[in-house]
N, C-alpha and C. Protein backbone atom coordinates (compact mmCIF):
# COMPACT_ATOMS: atom_id res chain seq x y z
N MET A 1 20.13 22.21 37.05
CA MET A 1 20.71 20.91 36.69
C MET A 1 19.64 19.84 36.59
N ALA A 2 18.67 19.90 37.52
CA ALA A 2 17.58 18.92 37.51
C ALA A 2 16.80 18.99 36.21
N ASP A 3 16.52 20.23 35.74
CA ASP A 3 15.79 20.40 34.49
C ASP A 3 16.58 19.85 33.32
N LEU A 4 17.90 20.12 33.32
CA LEU A 4 18.77 19.64 32.24
C LEU A 4 18.80 18.12 32.23
N ASN A 5 18.91 17.52 33.40
CA ASN A 5 18.91 16.06 33.49
C ASN A 5 17.59 15.48 32.99
N ALA A 6 16.48 16.15 33.30
CA ALA A 6 15.18 15.69 32.86
C ALA A 6 15.06 15.75 31.34
N ILE A 7 15.61 16.83 30.74
CA ILE A 7 15.56 16.97 29.29
C ILE A 7 16.44 15.92 28.61
N ILE A 8 17.63 15.69 29.16
CA ILE A 8 18.52 14.67 28.62
C ILE A 8 17.85 13.29 28.69
N GLN A 9 17.18 13.03 29.81
CA GLN A 9 16.47 11.77 29.97
C GLN A 9 15.34 11.66 28.95
N THR A 10 14.64 12.76 28.72
CA THR A 10 13.56 12.77 27.73
C THR A 10 14.09 12.48 26.34
N ILE A 11 15.23 13.10 25.98
CA ILE A 11 15.84 12.87 24.67
C ILE A 11 16.26 11.42 24.53
N ALA A 12 16.85 10.85 25.58
CA ALA A 12 17.30 9.46 25.53
C ALA A 12 16.13 8.50 25.32
N ILE A 13 15.03 8.77 25.98
CA ILE A 13 13.85 7.91 25.87
C ILE A 13 13.17 8.09 24.52
N ALA A 14 13.15 9.32 24.02
CA ALA A 14 12.42 9.62 22.78
C ALA A 14 13.21 9.29 21.52
N ALA A 15 14.54 9.17 21.62
CA ALA A 15 15.39 9.05 20.44
C ALA A 15 14.97 7.88 19.54
N LEU A 16 14.88 6.69 20.11
CA LEU A 16 14.57 5.51 19.29
C LEU A 16 13.17 5.58 18.67
N PRO A 17 12.12 5.88 19.45
CA PRO A 17 10.79 6.00 18.84
C PRO A 17 10.72 7.05 17.73
N VAL A 18 11.37 8.20 17.95
CA VAL A 18 11.32 9.28 16.96
C VAL A 18 12.03 8.87 15.68
N ILE A 19 13.25 8.33 15.82
CA ILE A 19 14.05 7.96 14.64
C ILE A 19 13.31 6.92 13.80
N PHE A 20 12.78 5.89 14.45
CA PHE A 20 12.08 4.86 13.68
C PHE A 20 10.75 5.36 13.14
N ALA A 21 10.07 6.23 13.86
CA ALA A 21 8.79 6.74 13.40
C ALA A 21 8.93 7.51 12.09
N ILE A 22 9.95 8.36 12.01
CA ILE A 22 10.07 9.20 10.81
C ILE A 22 10.83 8.50 9.68
N THR A 23 11.73 7.55 10.02
CA THR A 23 12.47 6.88 8.95
C THR A 23 11.66 5.74 8.32
N LEU A 24 10.95 4.96 9.13
CA LEU A 24 10.14 3.89 8.57
C LEU A 24 8.95 4.46 7.80
N HIS A 25 8.49 5.62 8.21
CA HIS A 25 7.44 6.33 7.46
C HIS A 25 7.92 6.58 6.03
N GLU A 26 9.15 7.05 5.88
CA GLU A 26 9.68 7.34 4.55
C GLU A 26 9.94 6.05 3.76
N ALA A 27 10.48 5.03 4.44
CA ALA A 27 10.75 3.77 3.75
C ALA A 27 9.47 3.16 3.20
N ALA A 28 8.38 3.31 3.94
CA ALA A 28 7.10 2.77 3.48
C ALA A 28 6.65 3.42 2.17
N HIS A 29 6.86 4.74 2.05
CA HIS A 29 6.53 5.41 0.79
C HIS A 29 7.30 4.79 -0.37
N GLY A 30 8.60 4.58 -0.17
CA GLY A 30 9.43 4.03 -1.23
C GLY A 30 9.05 2.62 -1.61
N TYR A 31 8.72 1.81 -0.61
CA TYR A 31 8.35 0.42 -0.87
C TYR A 31 7.07 0.35 -1.70
N VAL A 32 6.07 1.13 -1.32
CA VAL A 32 4.80 1.10 -2.05
C VAL A 32 4.97 1.70 -3.44
N ALA A 33 5.80 2.73 -3.56
CA ALA A 33 6.05 3.32 -4.89
C ALA A 33 6.68 2.28 -5.81
N ARG A 34 7.62 1.49 -5.30
CA ARG A 34 8.22 0.44 -6.13
C ARG A 34 7.18 -0.60 -6.52
N HIS A 35 6.30 -0.93 -5.60
CA HIS A 35 5.26 -1.91 -5.89
C HIS A 35 4.37 -1.46 -7.04
N PHE A 36 4.15 -0.14 -7.13
CA PHE A 36 3.27 0.39 -8.18
C PHE A 36 4.04 0.90 -9.40
N GLY A 37 5.33 0.55 -9.49
CA GLY A 37 6.05 0.80 -10.73
C GLY A 37 7.16 1.83 -10.70
N ASP A 38 7.34 2.56 -9.59
CA ASP A 38 8.40 3.58 -9.53
C ASP A 38 9.57 3.07 -8.69
N PRO A 39 10.70 2.73 -9.32
CA PRO A 39 11.85 2.19 -8.59
C PRO A 39 12.82 3.26 -8.08
N THR A 40 12.44 4.54 -8.16
CA THR A 40 13.36 5.62 -7.82
C THR A 40 13.95 5.48 -6.43
N ALA A 41 13.12 5.27 -5.43
CA ALA A 41 13.61 5.14 -4.06
C ALA A 41 14.46 3.89 -3.89
N TRP A 42 14.06 2.81 -4.55
CA TRP A 42 14.81 1.55 -4.48
C TRP A 42 16.20 1.72 -5.08
N LEU A 43 16.28 2.38 -6.23
CA LEU A 43 17.57 2.61 -6.88
C LEU A 43 18.47 3.53 -6.05
N ALA A 44 17.85 4.39 -5.25
CA ALA A 44 18.61 5.30 -4.39
C ALA A 44 18.98 4.66 -3.05
N GLY A 45 18.60 3.40 -2.86
CA GLY A 45 18.92 2.70 -1.62
C GLY A 45 18.11 3.16 -0.43
N ARG A 46 16.90 3.68 -0.68
CA ARG A 46 16.09 4.25 0.40
C ARG A 46 15.01 3.30 0.91
N ILE A 47 14.84 2.14 0.27
CA ILE A 47 13.88 1.17 0.79
C ILE A 47 14.63 0.24 1.73
N THR A 48 14.82 0.70 2.94
CA THR A 48 15.61 -0.03 3.93
C THR A 48 15.13 0.33 5.32
N LEU A 49 15.31 -0.60 6.26
CA LEU A 49 14.97 -0.34 7.65
C LEU A 49 16.13 0.30 8.40
N ASN A 50 17.23 0.56 7.70
CA ASN A 50 18.39 1.21 8.32
C ASN A 50 18.11 2.70 8.48
N PRO A 51 17.93 3.19 9.71
CA PRO A 51 17.59 4.62 9.91
C PRO A 51 18.65 5.56 9.35
N LEU A 52 19.90 5.11 9.28
CA LEU A 52 20.97 5.99 8.81
C LEU A 52 20.76 6.42 7.36
N ARG A 53 20.01 5.63 6.59
CA ARG A 53 19.75 5.97 5.20
C ARG A 53 18.68 7.05 5.07
N HIS A 54 17.97 7.33 6.14
CA HIS A 54 16.86 8.28 6.08
C HIS A 54 17.08 9.53 6.94
N ILE A 55 18.06 9.46 7.85
CA ILE A 55 18.26 10.56 8.79
C ILE A 55 18.71 11.84 8.07
N ASP A 56 18.04 12.92 8.39
CA ASP A 56 18.44 14.25 7.93
C ASP A 56 19.04 14.97 9.14
N LEU A 57 20.28 15.44 9.01
CA LEU A 57 20.98 16.04 10.15
C LEU A 57 20.16 17.12 10.82
N VAL A 58 19.54 17.98 10.01
CA VAL A 58 18.76 19.09 10.55
C VAL A 58 17.41 18.61 11.06
N GLY A 59 16.65 17.93 10.19
CA GLY A 59 15.27 17.58 10.52
C GLY A 59 15.10 16.45 11.50
N THR A 60 16.06 15.50 11.51
CA THR A 60 15.92 14.33 12.36
C THR A 60 16.63 14.49 13.69
N ILE A 61 17.66 15.33 13.73
CA ILE A 61 18.46 15.45 14.95
C ILE A 61 18.41 16.85 15.55
N ILE A 62 18.86 17.86 14.79
CA ILE A 62 19.01 19.20 15.34
C ILE A 62 17.67 19.81 15.73
N ILE A 63 16.71 19.83 14.80
CA ILE A 63 15.41 20.46 15.09
C ILE A 63 14.68 19.78 16.25
N PRO A 64 14.56 18.43 16.28
CA PRO A 64 13.88 17.81 17.43
C PRO A 64 14.55 18.12 18.77
N VAL A 65 15.90 18.10 18.80
CA VAL A 65 16.62 18.38 20.05
C VAL A 65 16.40 19.82 20.49
N VAL A 66 16.51 20.77 19.54
CA VAL A 66 16.32 22.19 19.87
C VAL A 66 14.90 22.43 20.38
N ILE A 67 13.90 21.84 19.70
CA ILE A 67 12.51 22.03 20.12
C ILE A 67 12.28 21.43 21.50
N LEU A 68 12.87 20.26 21.76
CA LEU A 68 12.74 19.65 23.08
C LEU A 68 13.34 20.54 24.16
N LEU A 69 14.50 21.12 23.85
CA LEU A 69 15.16 21.99 24.83
C LEU A 69 14.35 23.25 25.10
N PHE A 70 13.86 23.90 24.04
CA PHE A 70 13.14 25.16 24.21
C PHE A 70 11.73 24.97 24.76
N SER A 71 11.17 23.76 24.57
CA SER A 71 9.83 23.50 25.09
C SER A 71 9.86 22.81 26.44
N GLY A 72 11.06 22.61 26.96
CA GLY A 72 11.18 21.93 28.25
C GLY A 72 10.77 20.48 28.19
N GLY A 73 10.87 19.88 26.99
CA GLY A 73 10.53 18.48 26.83
C GLY A 73 9.05 18.21 26.60
N SER A 74 8.28 19.28 26.34
CA SER A 74 6.83 19.11 26.21
C SER A 74 6.35 19.06 24.76
N PHE A 75 7.24 19.30 23.79
CA PHE A 75 6.83 19.33 22.39
C PHE A 75 7.93 18.74 21.53
N LEU A 76 7.55 18.09 20.44
CA LEU A 76 8.52 17.45 19.58
C LEU A 76 8.08 17.56 18.13
N PHE A 77 9.03 17.86 17.25
CA PHE A 77 8.74 17.93 15.83
C PHE A 77 10.01 17.61 15.07
N GLY A 78 9.88 16.86 13.98
CA GLY A 78 11.05 16.54 13.18
C GLY A 78 10.63 15.88 11.88
N TYR A 79 11.63 15.62 11.02
CA TYR A 79 11.33 14.98 9.75
C TYR A 79 12.59 14.28 9.24
N ALA A 80 12.39 13.33 8.35
CA ALA A 80 13.50 12.62 7.73
C ALA A 80 13.69 13.14 6.31
N LYS A 81 14.75 12.66 5.64
CA LYS A 81 14.94 13.02 4.24
C LYS A 81 13.78 12.42 3.44
N PRO A 82 13.06 13.23 2.68
CA PRO A 82 11.94 12.69 1.90
C PRO A 82 12.43 11.62 0.92
N VAL A 83 11.70 10.53 0.83
CA VAL A 83 12.03 9.49 -0.14
C VAL A 83 11.67 10.00 -1.53
N PRO A 84 12.58 9.86 -2.50
CA PRO A 84 12.28 10.33 -3.86
C PRO A 84 11.23 9.45 -4.53
N VAL A 85 10.17 10.06 -4.98
CA VAL A 85 9.11 9.34 -5.70
C VAL A 85 8.82 10.11 -6.98
N ASP A 86 8.91 9.41 -8.11
CA ASP A 86 8.56 10.00 -9.40
C ASP A 86 7.16 9.50 -9.76
N PHE A 87 6.16 10.32 -9.46
CA PHE A 87 4.78 9.89 -9.65
C PHE A 87 4.47 9.57 -11.12
N ASN A 88 5.21 10.16 -12.03
CA ASN A 88 4.97 9.90 -13.45
C ASN A 88 5.37 8.48 -13.84
N ARG A 89 6.19 7.83 -13.00
CA ARG A 89 6.62 6.46 -13.31
C ARG A 89 5.67 5.41 -12.71
N LEU A 90 4.72 5.85 -11.92
CA LEU A 90 3.71 4.92 -11.42
C LEU A 90 2.85 4.44 -12.57
N ARG A 91 2.36 3.21 -12.49
CA ARG A 91 1.57 2.66 -13.60
C ARG A 91 0.30 3.47 -13.85
N HIS A 92 -0.32 3.92 -12.78
CA HIS A 92 -1.50 4.79 -12.87
C HIS A 92 -1.26 5.95 -11.90
N PRO A 93 -0.54 6.99 -12.35
CA PRO A 93 -0.04 8.03 -11.44
C PRO A 93 -1.07 8.61 -10.48
N LYS A 94 -2.20 9.05 -10.97
CA LYS A 94 -3.17 9.71 -10.10
C LYS A 94 -3.77 8.73 -9.09
N ARG A 95 -4.10 7.54 -9.55
CA ARG A 95 -4.69 6.54 -8.66
C ARG A 95 -3.68 5.97 -7.68
N ASP A 96 -2.49 5.63 -8.18
CA ASP A 96 -1.50 4.98 -7.33
C ASP A 96 -0.89 5.94 -6.32
N MET A 97 -0.98 7.27 -6.62
CA MET A 97 -0.50 8.27 -5.67
C MET A 97 -1.16 8.10 -4.31
N LEU A 98 -2.41 7.70 -4.31
CA LEU A 98 -3.15 7.50 -3.07
C LEU A 98 -2.46 6.49 -2.18
N TRP A 99 -2.07 5.36 -2.75
CA TRP A 99 -1.47 4.28 -1.96
C TRP A 99 -0.06 4.62 -1.51
N VAL A 100 0.68 5.31 -2.37
CA VAL A 100 2.03 5.75 -1.98
C VAL A 100 1.94 6.72 -0.82
N ALA A 101 1.00 7.65 -0.89
CA ALA A 101 0.86 8.67 0.15
C ALA A 101 0.39 8.07 1.47
N ILE A 102 -0.56 7.16 1.40
CA ILE A 102 -1.14 6.62 2.64
C ILE A 102 -0.20 5.63 3.33
N ALA A 103 0.83 5.16 2.62
CA ALA A 103 1.76 4.18 3.18
C ALA A 103 2.49 4.72 4.41
N GLY A 104 2.86 6.01 4.38
CA GLY A 104 3.59 6.60 5.51
C GLY A 104 2.76 6.63 6.79
N PRO A 105 1.58 7.24 6.77
CA PRO A 105 0.73 7.22 7.96
C PRO A 105 0.36 5.81 8.40
N ALA A 106 0.19 4.89 7.44
CA ALA A 106 -0.12 3.50 7.79
C ALA A 106 1.03 2.87 8.55
N ALA A 107 2.27 3.21 8.14
CA ALA A 107 3.44 2.71 8.86
C ALA A 107 3.47 3.24 10.28
N ASN A 108 3.10 4.51 10.47
CA ASN A 108 3.06 5.08 11.81
C ASN A 108 1.99 4.41 12.67
N LEU A 109 0.84 4.10 12.06
CA LEU A 109 -0.21 3.40 12.80
C LEU A 109 0.28 2.02 13.23
N PHE A 110 0.95 1.33 12.33
CA PHE A 110 1.50 0.01 12.65
C PHE A 110 2.50 0.10 13.80
N MET A 111 3.38 1.11 13.74
CA MET A 111 4.38 1.27 14.80
C MET A 111 3.74 1.64 16.13
N ALA A 112 2.67 2.43 16.09
CA ALA A 112 1.95 2.76 17.33
C ALA A 112 1.40 1.49 17.97
N PHE A 113 0.89 0.58 17.15
CA PHE A 113 0.41 -0.71 17.66
C PHE A 113 1.56 -1.53 18.24
N CYS A 114 2.72 -1.49 17.57
CA CYS A 114 3.89 -2.23 18.08
C CYS A 114 4.34 -1.69 19.43
N TRP A 115 4.37 -0.37 19.59
CA TRP A 115 4.76 0.22 20.87
C TRP A 115 3.72 -0.06 21.94
N ALA A 116 2.45 -0.13 21.56
CA ALA A 116 1.40 -0.48 22.53
C ALA A 116 1.61 -1.90 23.03
N PHE A 117 2.00 -2.79 22.12
CA PHE A 117 2.30 -4.17 22.52
C PHE A 117 3.50 -4.20 23.48
N MET A 118 4.53 -3.40 23.17
CA MET A 118 5.72 -3.34 24.04
C MET A 118 5.36 -2.78 25.42
N LEU A 119 4.45 -1.81 25.46
CA LEU A 119 4.02 -1.26 26.74
C LEU A 119 3.27 -2.31 27.55
N LYS A 120 2.41 -3.04 26.88
CA LYS A 120 1.67 -4.12 27.54
C LYS A 120 2.65 -5.16 28.11
N LEU A 121 3.69 -5.47 27.35
CA LEU A 121 4.70 -6.43 27.79
C LEU A 121 5.47 -5.89 28.99
N ALA A 122 5.85 -4.60 28.93
CA ALA A 122 6.59 -3.98 30.03
C ALA A 122 5.79 -4.01 31.32
N TRP A 123 4.49 -3.79 31.21
CA TRP A 123 3.62 -3.80 32.40
C TRP A 123 3.41 -5.22 32.93
N ALA A 124 3.50 -6.22 32.05
CA ALA A 124 3.26 -7.60 32.45
C ALA A 124 4.48 -8.21 33.16
N LEU A 125 5.68 -7.70 32.84
CA LEU A 125 6.90 -8.24 33.43
C LEU A 125 7.15 -7.64 34.81
N PRO A 126 7.91 -8.34 35.66
CA PRO A 126 8.28 -7.78 36.97
C PRO A 126 9.06 -6.48 36.80
N VAL A 127 8.82 -5.52 37.64
CA VAL A 127 9.50 -4.23 37.55
C VAL A 127 10.99 -4.40 37.76
N ASN A 128 11.79 -3.88 36.83
CA ASN A 128 13.25 -3.94 36.96
C ASN A 128 13.87 -2.76 36.23
N ASP A 129 15.19 -2.76 36.09
CA ASP A 129 15.88 -1.63 35.46
C ASP A 129 15.57 -1.48 33.98
N TYR A 130 14.97 -2.50 33.37
CA TYR A 130 14.68 -2.46 31.94
C TYR A 130 13.22 -2.14 31.64
N THR A 131 12.33 -2.64 32.48
CA THR A 131 10.90 -2.46 32.19
C THR A 131 10.46 -1.01 32.35
N VAL A 132 11.06 -0.29 33.30
CA VAL A 132 10.66 1.11 33.51
C VAL A 132 11.00 1.98 32.30
N PRO A 133 12.27 1.98 31.81
CA PRO A 133 12.56 2.77 30.60
C PRO A 133 11.81 2.26 29.37
N LEU A 134 11.60 0.93 29.28
CA LEU A 134 10.84 0.39 28.15
C LEU A 134 9.41 0.91 28.16
N SER A 135 8.84 0.98 29.35
CA SER A 135 7.48 1.50 29.50
C SER A 135 7.40 2.95 29.04
N GLU A 136 8.34 3.79 29.49
CA GLU A 136 8.34 5.20 29.10
C GLU A 136 8.60 5.36 27.61
N MET A 137 9.51 4.55 27.06
CA MET A 137 9.82 4.61 25.63
C MET A 137 8.60 4.20 24.81
N SER A 138 7.88 3.20 25.28
CA SER A 138 6.69 2.73 24.57
C SER A 138 5.59 3.79 24.57
N LYS A 139 5.40 4.45 25.72
CA LYS A 139 4.41 5.53 25.78
C LYS A 139 4.76 6.63 24.78
N THR A 140 6.04 6.97 24.72
CA THR A 140 6.50 7.98 23.77
C THR A 140 6.28 7.52 22.34
N GLY A 141 6.56 6.24 22.09
CA GLY A 141 6.39 5.69 20.75
C GLY A 141 4.96 5.76 20.27
N ILE A 142 4.01 5.50 21.15
CA ILE A 142 2.60 5.57 20.78
C ILE A 142 2.24 7.00 20.39
N ILE A 143 2.62 7.96 21.24
CA ILE A 143 2.26 9.36 20.99
C ILE A 143 2.95 9.91 19.76
N VAL A 144 4.25 9.64 19.62
CA VAL A 144 5.02 10.16 18.48
C VAL A 144 4.41 9.67 17.17
N ASN A 145 4.09 8.39 17.11
CA ASN A 145 3.54 7.85 15.87
C ASN A 145 2.13 8.35 15.61
N CYS A 146 1.35 8.57 16.65
CA CYS A 146 0.01 9.15 16.47
C CYS A 146 0.13 10.59 15.96
N VAL A 147 1.09 11.33 16.49
CA VAL A 147 1.32 12.72 16.05
C VAL A 147 1.69 12.75 14.57
N LEU A 148 2.66 11.90 14.17
CA LEU A 148 3.10 11.89 12.78
C LEU A 148 1.99 11.40 11.85
N MET A 149 1.21 10.44 12.31
CA MET A 149 0.11 9.95 11.48
C MET A 149 -0.92 11.05 11.25
N VAL A 150 -1.34 11.72 12.32
CA VAL A 150 -2.36 12.77 12.21
C VAL A 150 -1.81 13.95 11.41
N LEU A 151 -0.58 14.36 11.69
CA LEU A 151 0.03 15.48 10.98
C LEU A 151 0.07 15.23 9.49
N ASN A 152 0.53 14.04 9.10
CA ASN A 152 0.70 13.75 7.69
C ASN A 152 -0.61 13.52 6.96
N LEU A 153 -1.69 13.27 7.71
CA LEU A 153 -2.99 13.09 7.08
C LEU A 153 -3.74 14.40 6.88
N LEU A 154 -3.17 15.51 7.37
CA LEU A 154 -3.80 16.81 7.12
C LEU A 154 -3.82 17.08 5.62
N PRO A 155 -4.94 17.54 5.08
CA PRO A 155 -5.06 17.74 3.62
C PRO A 155 -4.36 19.00 3.13
N LEU A 156 -3.04 19.00 3.27
CA LEU A 156 -2.24 20.14 2.85
C LEU A 156 -1.01 19.64 2.09
N PRO A 157 -0.94 19.89 0.77
CA PRO A 157 0.27 19.51 0.03
C PRO A 157 1.48 20.27 0.60
N PRO A 158 2.65 19.66 0.76
CA PRO A 158 3.01 18.33 0.26
C PRO A 158 2.86 17.21 1.30
N LEU A 159 2.08 17.43 2.36
CA LEU A 159 1.84 16.36 3.32
C LEU A 159 1.08 15.22 2.63
N ASP A 160 1.16 14.05 3.23
CA ASP A 160 0.52 12.88 2.63
C ASP A 160 -0.98 13.09 2.43
N GLY A 161 -1.61 13.78 3.37
CA GLY A 161 -3.04 14.06 3.23
C GLY A 161 -3.32 14.90 2.00
N GLY A 162 -2.40 15.81 1.68
CA GLY A 162 -2.55 16.61 0.47
C GLY A 162 -2.44 15.75 -0.78
N ARG A 163 -1.50 14.80 -0.78
CA ARG A 163 -1.36 13.87 -1.92
C ARG A 163 -2.61 13.01 -2.07
N ILE A 164 -3.15 12.57 -0.93
CA ILE A 164 -4.36 11.75 -0.96
C ILE A 164 -5.51 12.56 -1.57
N ALA A 165 -5.62 13.83 -1.17
CA ALA A 165 -6.68 14.69 -1.71
C ALA A 165 -6.51 14.87 -3.20
N VAL A 166 -5.28 15.10 -3.67
CA VAL A 166 -5.02 15.26 -5.10
C VAL A 166 -5.42 14.00 -5.85
N SER A 167 -5.16 12.85 -5.26
CA SER A 167 -5.51 11.58 -5.91
C SER A 167 -7.01 11.39 -6.02
N LEU A 168 -7.76 11.87 -5.03
CA LEU A 168 -9.21 11.63 -4.98
C LEU A 168 -10.02 12.68 -5.70
N LEU A 169 -9.50 13.90 -5.82
CA LEU A 169 -10.25 14.98 -6.46
C LEU A 169 -10.33 14.78 -7.97
N PRO A 170 -11.37 15.33 -8.61
CA PRO A 170 -11.42 15.32 -10.08
C PRO A 170 -10.20 16.04 -10.65
N HIS A 171 -9.84 15.71 -11.87
CA HIS A 171 -8.58 16.19 -12.45
C HIS A 171 -8.41 17.71 -12.36
N ARG A 172 -9.43 18.47 -12.73
CA ARG A 172 -9.30 19.93 -12.74
C ARG A 172 -9.06 20.47 -11.32
N LEU A 173 -9.85 19.99 -10.36
CA LEU A 173 -9.70 20.44 -8.97
C LEU A 173 -8.38 19.93 -8.40
N ALA A 174 -7.99 18.72 -8.78
CA ALA A 174 -6.74 18.15 -8.28
C ALA A 174 -5.55 18.99 -8.72
N TRP A 175 -5.57 19.43 -9.98
CA TRP A 175 -4.46 20.24 -10.48
C TRP A 175 -4.38 21.57 -9.73
N LYS A 176 -5.53 22.21 -9.50
CA LYS A 176 -5.55 23.48 -8.78
C LYS A 176 -5.10 23.30 -7.33
N PHE A 177 -5.57 22.23 -6.70
CA PHE A 177 -5.20 21.98 -5.30
C PHE A 177 -3.71 21.69 -5.17
N ALA A 178 -3.15 20.99 -6.16
CA ALA A 178 -1.73 20.65 -6.12
C ALA A 178 -0.85 21.89 -6.18
N GLN A 179 -1.37 23.01 -6.71
CA GLN A 179 -0.58 24.24 -6.80
C GLN A 179 -0.28 24.82 -5.42
N LEU A 180 -1.00 24.36 -4.40
CA LEU A 180 -0.74 24.83 -3.03
C LEU A 180 0.58 24.32 -2.48
N GLU A 181 1.17 23.32 -3.15
CA GLU A 181 2.34 22.65 -2.60
C GLU A 181 3.49 23.62 -2.33
N ARG A 182 3.67 24.61 -3.20
CA ARG A 182 4.77 25.56 -3.00
C ARG A 182 4.61 26.37 -1.71
N TRP A 183 3.35 26.49 -1.24
CA TRP A 183 3.09 27.24 -0.02
C TRP A 183 2.84 26.33 1.18
N GLY A 184 2.90 25.03 0.96
CA GLY A 184 2.55 24.09 2.01
C GLY A 184 3.36 24.21 3.27
N PHE A 185 4.69 24.25 3.12
CA PHE A 185 5.55 24.30 4.31
C PHE A 185 5.41 25.63 5.05
N PRO A 186 5.40 26.79 4.36
CA PRO A 186 5.16 28.04 5.07
C PRO A 186 3.82 28.06 5.81
N ILE A 187 2.78 27.51 5.17
CA ILE A 187 1.47 27.45 5.82
C ILE A 187 1.54 26.59 7.07
N LEU A 188 2.25 25.46 6.97
CA LEU A 188 2.39 24.56 8.11
C LEU A 188 3.11 25.25 9.27
N LEU A 189 4.19 25.98 8.96
CA LEU A 189 4.93 26.71 10.00
C LEU A 189 4.04 27.78 10.64
N LEU A 190 3.27 28.47 9.82
CA LEU A 190 2.37 29.51 10.34
C LEU A 190 1.35 28.89 11.29
N LEU A 191 0.76 27.78 10.89
CA LEU A 191 -0.20 27.10 11.74
C LEU A 191 0.43 26.62 13.05
N MET A 192 1.68 26.18 12.96
CA MET A 192 2.37 25.66 14.14
C MET A 192 2.68 26.78 15.13
N PHE A 193 3.23 27.89 14.64
CA PHE A 193 3.64 28.97 15.53
C PHE A 193 2.48 29.81 16.06
N THR A 194 1.34 29.74 15.40
CA THR A 194 0.16 30.46 15.90
C THR A 194 -0.67 29.59 16.84
N GLY A 195 -0.32 28.33 16.96
CA GLY A 195 -1.04 27.43 17.86
C GLY A 195 -2.24 26.76 17.22
N ILE A 196 -2.56 27.15 15.98
CA ILE A 196 -3.72 26.57 15.30
C ILE A 196 -3.50 25.09 15.03
N LEU A 197 -2.27 24.75 14.65
CA LEU A 197 -1.96 23.35 14.35
C LEU A 197 -2.19 22.47 15.57
N ASN A 198 -1.75 22.95 16.73
CA ASN A 198 -1.94 22.19 17.96
C ASN A 198 -3.43 22.03 18.30
N THR A 199 -4.20 23.10 18.06
CA THR A 199 -5.64 23.05 18.32
C THR A 199 -6.33 22.01 17.45
N ILE A 200 -5.89 21.93 16.19
CA ILE A 200 -6.47 20.96 15.27
C ILE A 200 -6.04 19.54 15.61
N MET A 201 -4.75 19.37 15.91
CA MET A 201 -4.20 18.04 16.03
C MET A 201 -4.43 17.38 17.38
N SER A 202 -4.37 18.14 18.46
CA SER A 202 -4.41 17.54 19.80
C SER A 202 -5.59 16.60 20.03
N PRO A 203 -6.83 17.01 19.72
CA PRO A 203 -7.95 16.08 19.94
C PRO A 203 -7.83 14.81 19.11
N LEU A 204 -7.32 14.93 17.87
CA LEU A 204 -7.19 13.77 17.00
C LEU A 204 -6.09 12.84 17.48
N VAL A 205 -4.98 13.41 17.96
CA VAL A 205 -3.87 12.60 18.48
C VAL A 205 -4.31 11.86 19.74
N ILE A 206 -4.98 12.59 20.64
CA ILE A 206 -5.45 11.98 21.89
C ILE A 206 -6.45 10.86 21.60
N LEU A 207 -7.37 11.11 20.67
CA LEU A 207 -8.36 10.10 20.31
C LEU A 207 -7.68 8.86 19.73
N SER A 208 -6.73 9.07 18.83
CA SER A 208 -6.01 7.94 18.21
C SER A 208 -5.28 7.12 19.26
N ALA A 209 -4.57 7.81 20.16
CA ALA A 209 -3.82 7.11 21.21
C ALA A 209 -4.76 6.34 22.14
N ARG A 210 -5.88 6.95 22.49
CA ARG A 210 -6.83 6.29 23.40
C ARG A 210 -7.43 5.04 22.76
N ILE A 211 -7.74 5.10 21.47
CA ILE A 211 -8.30 3.94 20.78
C ILE A 211 -7.28 2.79 20.79
N ILE A 212 -6.03 3.12 20.47
CA ILE A 212 -4.99 2.08 20.45
C ILE A 212 -4.77 1.51 21.84
N GLU A 213 -4.74 2.38 22.84
CA GLU A 213 -4.56 1.91 24.21
C GLU A 213 -5.71 1.03 24.67
N SER A 214 -6.93 1.38 24.25
CA SER A 214 -8.10 0.58 24.65
C SER A 214 -8.07 -0.79 23.99
N ILE A 215 -7.57 -0.87 22.77
CA ILE A 215 -7.47 -2.16 22.07
C ILE A 215 -6.56 -3.11 22.84
N PHE A 216 -5.48 -2.56 23.42
CA PHE A 216 -4.52 -3.39 24.15
C PHE A 216 -4.81 -3.42 25.66
N GLY A 217 -5.91 -2.79 26.07
CA GLY A 217 -6.25 -2.80 27.49
C GLY A 217 -5.27 -2.04 28.35
N LEU A 218 -4.76 -0.93 27.84
CA LEU A 218 -3.76 -0.13 28.57
C LEU A 218 -4.48 0.98 29.33
N TYR A 219 -4.89 0.70 30.53
CA TYR A 219 -5.63 1.70 31.32
C TYR A 219 -4.82 2.08 32.54
């Protein structure tokens, strides 16, 4: 029962940071795509801060909860409904793809800074029934957003890092690299279940979190 209560508590604390981390990430893609000429996400009503417009029943709720349960609260993974982007409608498709892709990780970095500020605030206020859960939620928010930022910056299509690579590579190499997209998700799952993904990401996530914490003096 104690373990179950701990997992339920973990889910309650992680719910808000996770939902906003993955939904605002997607909204940022849509906003930047509209700025560069593609209104697809805007017309679909996806450029919004309302998480309900981005939540995917499986990826945003079921998968994160199941992974939390099976990992004993030590691991978390999830995703939102991808924002529709028609790269051909961008004014300069290959060049503008870079900014559309980087918008998601940039949103996660911004949110990590916001949660760091909230943690600093929670520590500055007198300890009460609100500051303790706010502190734990803020710590989770920093880590979750660092995880999503690092994960999405991996140079593997269809992750944002893969889109960034396609945008920066010469046309011939970009076209060949983009062909990996059909295998991107299976490769990602393989890396995750073999532990390779964790080996690659952990140092980068820890480094990112430590830099943000040092900026706000969170020691």
